[in-house]
Amino acid sequence: MSQEFVLHIGREALLTALMLAAPALIIGLAVGLAVSVFQATTQIQEQTLTFVPKIVAVLLSLLIFGSWMLTILVSFTSNLFTGLSTLVR
């Protein structure tokens, strides 16, 4: 097992984690920005107004992108297990 192989596995793991987290984070960011603009224009400073829409948006994004996320994760795990024979040597 060489250093390049270990770095490749680490790089693929980080990219996979970023790909899995990106949809929920981007949608949460967009909803948070929209709620902040709404609060600034209406001068409503309710604390629950910032959290509840973000939680709902992230849960909906997980429902929408969940199958795609699972496919990416299964593909990464499958590639890792198929390359396991080269790690054992």
Protein backbone atom coordinates (compact mmCIF):
# COMPACT_ATOMS: atom_id res chain seq x y z
CA MET A 1 0.00 0.00 0.00
CA SER A 2 1.61 3.24 -1.14
CA GLN A 3 1.14 6.78 0.03
CA GLU A 4 -0.52 7.70 -3.26
CA PHE A 5 -3.15 5.02 -2.75
CA VAL A 6 -3.91 6.19 0.78
CA LEU A 7 -4.14 9.80 -0.39
CA HIS A 8 -6.44 8.71 -3.21
CA ILE A 9 -8.77 6.94 -0.79
CA GLY A 10 -8.77 9.96 1.54
CA ARG A 11 -9.46 12.33 -1.35
CA GLU A 12 -12.34 10.17 -2.59
CA ALA A 13 -13.78 9.97 0.94
CA LEU A 14 -13.68 13.76 1.33
CA LEU A 15 -15.24 14.34 -2.08
CA THR A 16 -17.97 11.83 -1.31
CA ALA A 17 -18.70 13.50 2.02
CA LEU A 18 -18.89 16.90 0.32
CA MET A 19 -21.19 15.57 -2.39
CA LEU A 20 -23.48 14.01 0.21
CA ALA A 21 -23.66 17.12 2.39
CA ALA A 22 -23.92 19.73 -0.39
CA PRO A 23 -27.64 19.52 -1.26
CA ALA A 24 -28.85 19.84 2.33
CA LEU A 25 -26.36 22.59 3.16
CA ILE A 26 -27.10 24.64 0.05
CA ILE A 27 -30.86 24.41 0.52
CA GLY A 28 -30.52 25.25 4.23
CA LEU A 29 -28.37 28.24 3.34
CA ALA A 30 -30.85 29.50 0.75
CA VAL A 31 -33.81 29.13 3.09
CA GLY A 32 -31.89 30.81 5.92
CA LEU A 33 -31.03 33.73 3.65
CA ALA A 34 -34.65 34.06 2.52
CA VAL A 35 -35.91 34.01 6.12
CA SER A 36 -33.31 36.59 7.13
CA VAL A 37 -34.38 38.91 4.32
CA PHE A 38 -38.01 38.38 5.31
CA GLN A 39 -37.22 39.18 8.94
CA ALA A 40 -35.26 42.28 7.98
CA THR A 41 -38.03 43.64 5.77
CA THR A 42 -40.87 42.95 8.19
CA GLN A 43 -38.87 43.58 11.40
CA ILE A 44 -40.20 40.36 12.92
CA GLN A 45 -37.51 39.01 15.24
CA GLU A 46 -39.01 35.67 16.24
CA GLN A 47 -36.32 33.10 17.06
CA THR A 48 -38.34 30.06 15.98
CA LEU A 49 -38.92 31.62 12.58
CA THR A 50 -35.26 31.10 11.73
CA PHE A 51 -35.00 27.44 12.73
CA VAL A 52 -38.27 25.79 11.73
CA PRO A 53 -38.14 26.60 7.98
CA LYS A 54 -34.49 25.51 7.80
CA ILE A 55 -35.25 22.19 9.49
CA VAL A 56 -38.21 21.57 7.19
CA ALA A 57 -36.16 22.49 4.10
CA VAL A 58 -33.28 20.22 5.08
CA LEU A 59 -35.67 17.32 5.77
CA LEU A 60 -37.34 17.86 2.39
CA SER A 61 -33.96 17.97 0.67
CA LEU A 62 -33.05 14.68 2.33
CA LEU A 63 -36.30 13.16 1.06
CA ILE A 64 -35.71 14.48 -2.45
CA PHE A 65 -31.99 13.74 -2.75
CA GLY A 66 -31.93 10.69 -0.45
CA SER A 67 -31.91 8.06 -3.20
CA TRP A 68 -29.14 9.89 -5.06
CA MET A 69 -27.12 10.19 -1.84
CA LEU A 70 -27.57 6.51 -1.12
CA THR A 71 -26.44 5.61 -4.64
CA ILE A 72 -23.27 7.71 -4.24
CA LEU A 73 -22.55 6.18 -0.84
CA VAL A 74 -23.11 2.60 -2.04
CA SER A 75 -20.89 3.26 -5.06
CA PHE A 76 -18.09 4.60 -2.85
CA THR A 77 -18.38 1.67 -0.45
CA SER A 78 -18.43 -0.82 -3.30
CA ASN A 79 -15.30 0.70 -4.82
CA LEU A 80 -13.62 0.63 -1.43
CA PHE A 81 -14.46 -3.05 -0.87
CA THR A 82 -13.37 -4.06 -4.37
CA GLY A 83 -10.03 -2.35 -3.77
CA LEU A 84 -9.67 -4.12 -0.44
CA SER A 85 -7.73 -6.95 -2.03
CA THR A 86 -4.93 -4.53 -2.91
CA LEU A 87 -4.87 -3.25 0.67
CA VAL A 88 -4.41 -6.71 2.21
CA ARG A 89 -1.15 -7.48 0.43
